[in-house]
Structure formats: structure tokens, C-alpha cells
PDB file of N, CA and C in Angstrom:
ATOM      1  N   MET A   1     -17.445   3.635 -11.202  1.00  0.00           N
ATOM      2  CA  MET A   1     -16.938   3.160  -9.942  1.00  0.00           C
ATOM      3  C   MET A   1     -15.566   2.540 -10.174  1.00  0.00           C
ATOM      4  N   LYS A   2     -14.668   2.757  -9.231  1.00  0.00           N
ATOM      5  CA  LYS A   2     -13.316   2.198  -9.283  1.00  0.00           C
ATOM      6  C   LYS A   2     -13.165   1.137  -8.200  1.00  0.00           C
ATOM      7  N   LEU A   3     -12.361   0.121  -8.478  1.00  0.00           N
ATOM      8  CA  LEU A   3     -12.182  -1.003  -7.569  1.00  0.00           C
ATOM      9  C   LEU A   3     -10.748  -1.069  -7.062  1.00  0.00           C
ATOM     10  N   ALA A   4     -10.615  -1.251  -5.758  1.00  0.00           N
ATOM     11  CA  ALA A   4      -9.328  -1.554  -5.126  1.00  0.00           C
ATOM     12  C   ALA A   4      -9.587  -2.643  -4.089  1.00  0.00           C
ATOM     13  N   LEU A   5      -8.602  -3.483  -3.868  1.00  0.00           N
ATOM     14  CA  LEU A   5      -8.751  -4.599  -2.937  1.00  0.00           C
ATOM     15  C   LEU A   5      -7.583  -4.643  -1.964  1.00  0.00           C
ATOM     16  N   GLU A   6      -7.857  -5.144  -0.777  1.00  0.00           N
ATOM     17  CA  GLU A   6      -6.806  -5.527   0.150  1.00  0.00           C
ATOM     18  C   GLU A   6      -6.750  -7.042   0.101  1.00  0.00           C
ATOM     19  N   CYS A   7      -5.554  -7.586   0.003  1.00  0.00           N
ATOM     20  CA  CYS A   7      -5.451  -9.040  -0.051  1.00  0.00           C
ATOM     21  C   CYS A   7      -4.120  -9.492   0.536  1.00  0.00           C
ATOM     22  N   PRO A   8      -4.045 -10.767   0.933  1.00  0.00           N
ATOM     23  CA  PRO A   8      -2.793 -11.285   1.477  1.00  0.00           C
ATOM     24  C   PRO A   8      -1.727 -11.391   0.382  1.00  0.00           C
ATOM     25  N   ASN A   9      -0.495 -11.457   0.811  1.00  0.00           N
ATOM     26  CA  ASN A   9       0.626 -11.501  -0.131  1.00  0.00           C
ATOM     27  C   ASN A   9       0.492 -12.576  -1.198  1.00  0.00           C
ATOM     28  N   TYR A  10       0.034 -13.752  -0.823  1.00  0.00           N
ATOM     29  CA  TYR A  10      -0.004 -14.841  -1.786  1.00  0.00           C
ATOM     30  C   TYR A  10      -1.024 -14.610  -2.910  1.00  0.00           C
ATOM     31  N   LEU A  11      -1.911 -13.616  -2.745  1.00  0.00           N
ATOM     32  CA  LEU A  11      -2.875 -13.298  -3.798  1.00  0.00           C
ATOM     33  C   LEU A  11      -2.555 -11.998  -4.549  1.00  0.00           C
ATOM     34  N   LEU A  12      -1.532 -11.287  -4.128  1.00  0.00           N
ATOM     35  CA  LEU A  12      -1.234  -9.990  -4.746  1.00  0.00           C
ATOM     36  C   LEU A  12      -1.107 -10.082  -6.259  1.00  0.00           C
ATOM     37  N   LYS A  13      -0.310 -11.001  -6.752  1.00  0.00           N
ATOM     38  CA  LYS A  13      -0.065 -11.096  -8.199  1.00  0.00           C
ATOM     39  C   LYS A  13      -1.287 -11.558  -8.978  1.00  0.00           C
ATOM     40  N   ASP A  14      -2.195 -12.250  -8.318  1.00  0.00           N
ATOM     41  CA  ASP A  14      -3.401 -12.739  -8.996  1.00  0.00           C
ATOM     42  C   ASP A  14      -4.537 -11.717  -8.985  1.00  0.00           C
ATOM     43  N   LEU A  15      -4.737 -11.045  -7.850  1.00  0.00           N
ATOM     44  CA  LEU A  15      -5.893 -10.158  -7.708  1.00  0.00           C
ATOM     45  C   LEU A  15      -5.621  -8.702  -8.047  1.00  0.00           C
ATOM     46  N   GLN A  16      -4.464  -8.186  -7.641  1.00  0.00           N
ATOM     47  CA  GLN A  16      -4.220  -6.761  -7.824  1.00  0.00           C
ATOM     48  C   GLN A  16      -4.229  -6.303  -9.283  1.00  0.00           C
ATOM     49  N   PRO A  17      -3.809  -7.111 -10.248  1.00  0.00           N
ATOM     50  CA  PRO A  17      -3.924  -6.662 -11.641  1.00  0.00           C
ATOM     51  C   PRO A  17      -5.368  -6.447 -12.108  1.00  0.00           C
ATOM     52  N   LEU A  18      -6.321  -6.959 -11.362  1.00  0.00           N
ATOM     53  CA  LEU A  18      -7.735  -6.798 -11.714  1.00  0.00           C
ATOM     54  C   LEU A  18      -8.327  -5.494 -11.180  1.00  0.00           C
ATOM     55  N   THR A  19      -7.573  -4.762 -10.383  1.00  0.00           N
ATOM     56  CA  THR A  19      -8.079  -3.549  -9.742  1.00  0.00           C
ATOM     57  C   THR A  19      -7.763  -2.303 -10.569  1.00  0.00           C
ATOM     58  N   ASP A  20      -8.415  -1.215 -10.209  1.00  0.00           N
ATOM     59  CA  ASP A  20      -8.210   0.055 -10.909  1.00  0.00           C
ATOM     60  C   ASP A  20      -7.102   0.904 -10.288  1.00  0.00           C
ATOM     61  N   PHE A  21      -6.783   0.670  -9.021  1.00  0.00           N
ATOM     62  CA  PHE A  21      -5.707   1.391  -8.344  1.00  0.00           C
ATOM     63  C   PHE A  21      -5.256   0.590  -7.134  1.00  0.00           C
ATOM     64  N   ASP A  22      -4.114   0.967  -6.584  1.00  0.00           N
ATOM     65  CA  ASP A  22      -3.562   0.290  -5.405  1.00  0.00           C
ATOM     66  C   ASP A  22      -3.982   1.024  -4.138  1.00  0.00           C
ATOM     67  N   PHE A  23      -4.562   0.300  -3.200  1.00  0.00           N
ATOM     68  CA  PHE A  23      -4.921   0.823  -1.884  1.00  0.00           C
ATOM     69  C   PHE A  23      -3.956   0.165  -0.903  1.00  0.00           C
ATOM     70  N   ILE A  24      -2.993   0.936  -0.402  1.00  0.00           N
ATOM     71  CA  ILE A  24      -1.845   0.392   0.308  1.00  0.00           C
ATOM     72  C   ILE A  24      -1.913   0.767   1.794  1.00  0.00           C
ATOM     73  N   LEU A  25      -1.721  -0.207   2.655  1.00  0.00           N
ATOM     74  CA  LEU A  25      -1.757   0.014   4.096  1.00  0.00           C
ATOM     75  C   LEU A  25      -0.365   0.350   4.617  1.00  0.00           C
ATOM     76  N   THR A  26      -0.249   1.504   5.266  1.00  0.00           N
ATOM     77  CA  THR A  26       1.038   1.986   5.762  1.00  0.00           C
ATOM     78  C   THR A  26       1.719   0.961   6.659  1.00  0.00           C
ATOM     79  N   HIS A  27       0.997   0.412   7.611  1.00  0.00           N
ATOM     80  CA  HIS A  27       1.643  -0.488   8.570  1.00  0.00           C
ATOM     81  C   HIS A  27       2.213  -1.728   7.892  1.00  0.00           C
ATOM     82  N   LEU A  28       1.571  -2.196   6.829  1.00  0.00           N
ATOM     83  CA  LEU A  28       2.106  -3.374   6.136  1.00  0.00           C
ATOM     84  C   LEU A  28       3.326  -3.034   5.299  1.00  0.00           C
ATOM     85  N   VAL A  29       3.375  -1.846   4.724  1.00  0.00           N
ATOM     86  CA  VAL A  29       4.578  -1.422   4.005  1.00  0.00           C
ATOM     87  C   VAL A  29       5.774  -1.449   4.948  1.00  0.00           C
ATOM     88  N   LEU A  30       5.558  -0.990   6.183  1.00  0.00           N
ATOM     89  CA  LEU A  30       6.646  -0.906   7.156  1.00  0.00           C
ATOM     90  C   LEU A  30       7.010  -2.254   7.775  1.00  0.00           C
ATOM     91  N   GLN A  31       6.080  -3.209   7.763  1.00  0.00           N
ATOM     92  CA  GLN A  31       6.301  -4.494   8.442  1.00  0.00           C
ATOM     93  C   GLN A  31       6.609  -5.651   7.508  1.00  0.00           C
ATOM     94  N   ASP A  32       6.250  -5.536   6.248  1.00  0.00           N
ATOM     95  CA  ASP A  32       6.255  -6.700   5.356  1.00  0.00           C
ATOM     96  C   ASP A  32       7.006  -6.367   4.065  1.00  0.00           C
ATOM     97  N   LYS A  33       8.194  -6.937   3.906  1.00  0.00           N
ATOM     98  CA  LYS A  33       9.030  -6.644   2.735  1.00  0.00           C
ATOM     99  C   LYS A  33       8.400  -7.103   1.427  1.00  0.00           C
ATOM    100  N   VAL A  34       7.717  -8.233   1.441  1.00  0.00           N
ATOM    101  CA  VAL A  34       7.073  -8.740   0.220  1.00  0.00           C
ATOM    102  C   VAL A  34       5.973  -7.779  -0.218  1.00  0.00           C
ATOM    103  N   TYR A  35       5.156  -7.350   0.723  1.00  0.00           N
ATOM    104  CA  TYR A  35       4.070  -6.397   0.462  1.00  0.00           C
ATOM    105  C   TYR A  35       4.635  -5.088  -0.081  1.00  0.00           C
ATOM    106  N   ALA A  36       5.652  -4.556   0.578  1.00  0.00           N
ATOM    107  CA  ALA A  36       6.259  -3.290   0.157  1.00  0.00           C
ATOM    108  C   ALA A  36       6.864  -3.416  -1.236  1.00  0.00           C
ATOM    109  N   GLU A  37       7.552  -4.492  -1.503  1.00  0.00           N
ATOM    110  CA  GLU A  37       8.188  -4.685  -2.809  1.00  0.00           C
ATOM    111  C   GLU A  37       7.144  -4.768  -3.930  1.00  0.00           C
ATOM    112  N   TYR A  38       6.052  -5.479  -3.668  1.00  0.00           N
ATOM    113  CA  TYR A  38       5.004  -5.578  -4.690  1.00  0.00           C
ATOM    114  C   TYR A  38       4.511  -4.183  -5.075  1.00  0.00           C
ATOM    115  N   TYR A  39       4.185  -3.383  -4.089  1.00  0.00           N
ATOM    116  CA  TYR A  39       3.633  -2.061  -4.378  1.00  0.00           C
ATOM    117  C   TYR A  39       4.697  -1.069  -4.861  1.00  0.00           C
ATOM    118  N   ARG A  40       5.930  -1.267  -4.495  1.00  0.00           N
ATOM    119  CA  ARG A  40       7.005  -0.422  -5.027  1.00  0.00           C
ATOM    120  C   ARG A  40       7.133  -0.643  -6.537  1.00  0.00           C
ATOM    121  N   GLU A  41       6.971  -1.875  -6.972  1.00  0.00           N
ATOM    122  CA  GLU A  41       7.100  -2.221  -8.392  1.00  0.00           C
ATOM    123  C   GLU A  41       5.838  -1.920  -9.202  1.00  0.00           C
ATOM    124  N   SER A  42       4.711  -1.804  -8.545  1.00  0.00           N
ATOM    125  CA  SER A  42       3.448  -1.553  -9.239  1.00  0.00           C
ATOM    126  C   SER A  42       3.468  -0.192  -9.933  1.00  0.00           C
ATOM    127  N   ARG A  43       2.893  -0.128 -11.120  1.00  0.00           N
ATOM    128  CA  ARG A  43       2.794   1.126 -11.877  1.00  0.00           C
ATOM    129  C   ARG A  43       1.386   1.715 -11.802  1.00  0.00           C
ATOM    130  N   SER A  44       0.545   1.138 -10.970  1.00  0.00           N
ATOM    131  CA  SER A  44      -0.827   1.635 -10.811  1.00  0.00           C
ATOM    132  C   SER A  44      -0.848   2.889  -9.950  1.00  0.00           C
ATOM    133  N   PHE A  45      -1.924   3.667 -10.068  1.00  0.00           N
ATOM    134  CA  PHE A  45      -2.163   4.803  -9.182  1.00  0.00           C
ATOM    135  C   PHE A  45      -2.237   4.264  -7.759  1.00  0.00           C
ATOM    136  N   LYS A  46      -1.616   4.967  -6.813  1.00  0.00           N
ATOM    137  CA  LYS A  46      -1.534   4.473  -5.439  1.00  0.00           C
ATOM    138  C   LYS A  46      -2.212   5.420  -4.455  1.00  0.00           C
ATOM    139  N   ILE A  47      -2.917   4.826  -3.501  1.00  0.00           N
ATOM    140  CA  ILE A  47      -3.443   5.546  -2.347  1.00  0.00           C
ATOM    141  C   ILE A  47      -2.852   4.876  -1.113  1.00  0.00           C
ATOM    142  N   LEU A  48      -2.186   5.673  -0.280  1.00  0.00           N
ATOM    143  CA  LEU A  48      -1.583   5.160   0.952  1.00  0.00           C
ATOM    144  C   LEU A  48      -2.525   5.457   2.112  1.00  0.00           C
ATOM    145  N   ASP A  49      -3.019   4.399   2.732  1.00  0.00           N
ATOM    146  CA  ASP A  49      -3.967   4.507   3.837  1.00  0.00           C
ATOM    147  C   ASP A  49      -3.214   4.536   5.169  1.00  0.00           C
ATOM    148  N   ASN A  50      -3.781   5.209   6.162  1.00  0.00           N
ATOM    149  CA  ASN A  50      -3.118   5.329   7.465  1.00  0.00           C
ATOM    150  C   ASN A  50      -3.348   4.136   8.402  1.00  0.00           C
ATOM    151  N   SER A  51      -4.011   3.095   7.950  1.00  0.00           N
ATOM    152  CA  SER A  51      -4.198   1.832   8.693  1.00  0.00           C
ATOM    153  C   SER A  51      -5.013   1.964   9.968  1.00  0.00           C
ATOM    154  N   VAL A  52      -5.807   3.017  10.113  1.00  0.00           N
ATOM    155  CA  VAL A  52      -6.574   3.205  11.349  1.00  0.00           C
ATOM    156  C   VAL A  52      -7.583   2.070  11.573  1.00  0.00           C
ATOM    157  N   ASN A  53      -8.210   1.568  10.520  1.00  0.00           N
ATOM    158  CA  ASN A  53      -9.189   0.490  10.708  1.00  0.00           C
ATOM    159  C   ASN A  53      -8.528  -0.811  11.149  1.00  0.00           C
ATOM    160  N   GLU A  54      -7.317  -1.044  10.694  1.00  0.00           N
ATOM    161  CA  GLU A  54      -6.616  -2.277  11.042  1.00  0.00           C
ATOM    162  C   GLU A  54      -5.970  -2.214  12.420  1.00  0.00           C
ATOM    163  N   LEU A  55      -5.480  -1.035  12.806  1.00  0.00           N
ATOM    164  CA  LEU A  55      -4.720  -0.900  14.053  1.00  0.00           C
ATOM    165  C   LEU A  55      -5.506  -0.281  15.207  1.00  0.00           C
ATOM    166  N   GLY A  56      -6.614   0.388  14.895  1.00  0.00           N
ATOM    167  CA  GLY A  56      -7.377   1.067  15.935  1.00  0.00           C
ATOM    168  C   GLY A  56      -6.932   2.507  16.165  1.00  0.00           C
ATOM    169  N   ILE A  57      -5.729   2.828  15.750  1.00  0.00           N
ATOM    170  CA  ILE A  57      -5.204   4.200  15.775  1.00  0.00           C
ATOM    171  C   ILE A  57      -4.464   4.416  14.450  1.00  0.00           C
ATOM    172  N   PRO A  58      -4.436   5.648  13.957  1.00  0.00           N
ATOM    173  CA  PRO A  58      -3.764   5.863  12.678  1.00  0.00           C
ATOM    174  C   PRO A  58      -2.239   5.828  12.824  1.00  0.00           C
ATOM    175  N   CYS A  59      -1.577   5.413  11.758  1.00  0.00           N
ATOM    176  CA  CYS A  59      -0.123   5.548  11.715  1.00  0.00           C
ATOM    177  C   CYS A  59       0.207   7.031  11.758  1.00  0.00           C
ATOM    178  N   SER A  60       1.343   7.350  12.306  1.00  0.00           N
ATOM    179  CA  SER A  60       1.758   8.749  12.395  1.00  0.00           C
ATOM    180  C   SER A  60       2.151   9.264  11.011  1.00  0.00           C
ATOM    181  N   LEU A  61       2.231  10.580  10.899  1.00  0.00           N
ATOM    182  CA  LEU A  61       2.698  11.177   9.649  1.00  0.00           C
ATOM    183  C   LEU A  61       4.134  10.747   9.356  1.00  0.00           C
ATOM    184  N   GLU A  62       4.943  10.609  10.381  1.00  0.00           N
ATOM    185  CA  GLU A  62       6.313  10.155  10.191  1.00  0.00           C
ATOM    186  C   GLU A  62       6.345   8.738   9.612  1.00  0.00           C
ATOM    187  N   GLU A  63       5.474   7.872  10.111  1.00  0.00           N
ATOM    188  CA  GLU A  63       5.397   6.510   9.572  1.00  0.00           C
ATOM    189  C   GLU A  63       4.917   6.524   8.123  1.00  0.00           C
ATOM    190  N   MET A  64       3.984   7.409   7.819  1.00  0.00           N
ATOM    191  CA  MET A  64       3.491   7.491   6.445  1.00  0.00           C
ATOM    192  C   MET A  64       4.587   8.009   5.509  1.00  0.00           C
ATOM    193  N   VAL A  65       5.377   8.955   5.970  1.00  0.00           N
ATOM    194  CA  VAL A  65       6.503   9.446   5.167  1.00  0.00           C
ATOM    195  C   VAL A  65       7.525   8.327   4.961  1.00  0.00           C
ATOM    196  N   GLN A  66       7.775   7.554   6.005  1.00  0.00           N
ATOM    197  CA  GLN A  66       8.693   6.420   5.880  1.00  0.00           C
ATOM    198  C   GLN A  66       8.160   5.414   4.858  1.00  0.00           C
ATOM    199  N   ALA A  67       6.857   5.152   4.891  1.00  0.00           N
ATOM    200  CA  ALA A  67       6.256   4.234   3.909  1.00  0.00           C
ATOM    201  C   ALA A  67       6.379   4.811   2.501  1.00  0.00           C
ATOM    202  N   LEU A  68       6.161   6.112   2.355  1.00  0.00           N
ATOM    203  CA  LEU A  68       6.340   6.750   1.046  1.00  0.00           C
ATOM    204  C   LEU A  68       7.762   6.580   0.541  1.00  0.00           C
ATOM    205  N   ASP A  69       8.734   6.758   1.418  1.00  0.00           N
ATOM    206  CA  ASP A  69      10.129   6.572   1.032  1.00  0.00           C
ATOM    207  C   ASP A  69      10.402   5.124   0.633  1.00  0.00           C
ATOM    208  N   THR A  70       9.800   4.185   1.346  1.00  0.00           N
ATOM    209  CA  THR A  70       9.952   2.768   1.021  1.00  0.00           C
ATOM    210  C   THR A  70       9.363   2.443  -0.340  1.00  0.00           C
ATOM    211  N   LEU A  71       8.211   3.043  -0.630  1.00  0.00           N
ATOM    212  CA  LEU A  71       7.531   2.782  -1.903  1.00  0.00           C
ATOM    213  C   LEU A  71       8.154   3.533  -3.070  1.00  0.00           C
ATOM    214  N   GLY A  72       8.880   4.584  -2.769  1.00  0.00           N
ATOM    215  CA  GLY A  72       9.469   5.413  -3.816  1.00  0.00           C
ATOM    216  C   GLY A  72       8.518   6.530  -4.165  1.00  0.00           C
ATOM    217  N   ARG A  73       8.804   7.696  -3.692  1.00  0.00           N
ATOM    218  CA  ARG A  73       7.934   8.848  -3.926  1.00  0.00           C
ATOM    219  C   ARG A  73       7.929   9.238  -5.391  1.00  0.00           C
ATOM    220  N   VAL A  74       6.801   9.786  -5.800  1.00  0.00           N
ATOM    221  CA  VAL A  74       6.668  10.340  -7.141  1.00  0.00           C
ATOM    222  C   VAL A  74       6.484  11.831  -6.995  1.00  0.00           C
ATOM    223  N   ASP A  75       7.344  12.603  -7.600  1.00  0.00           N
ATOM    224  CA  ASP A  75       7.204  14.057  -7.578  1.00  0.00           C
ATOM    225  C   ASP A  75       6.224  14.485  -8.659  1.00  0.00           C
ATOM    226  N   LEU A  76       5.246  15.276  -8.276  1.00  0.00           N
ATOM    227  CA  LEU A  76       4.262  15.745  -9.248  1.00  0.00           C
ATOM    228  C   LEU A  76       4.591  17.148  -9.698  1.00  0.00           C
TER     229      LEU A  76
END
């Protein structure tokens, strides 16, 4: 089993190193510079979520692409 957590900014540096991968919310990448910067600098495997549970509707594909650009895309 793999562990990922969602947590507020003030706990990112304490809790996220304990996880197996980054589970990143699109809407927070677009709204919160501290959140985006933390995950941009992270070297962990990343999963970008569409934030449907938090917002009630999913972020658009355009918003997800914008979040990917903010985080720095990795070409495979």
C-alpha cells in the first residue's frame, strides 16, 4: 500500500516527506503560491487531482494543463 496525504501549507514540510507520492489538488496549485512552490520543488512521484471532491465540479482540462505548467512538466 502507498500513502499520500492532503494537508495545509503549514504542515507540508513536516508531513509530506513521510508519504510515498504527492497527491496534488489542481485548484490549490492555481490559487496558492506556497502550495504550488512546495510541489514544484518536490522530487516525489506526482498525481494531479482534478479537485472534484473539494469543488463539487472538476477543474477543466485547461486548468489542469495550467497547473502542470505551474508545477513544471516532466517529459517521459
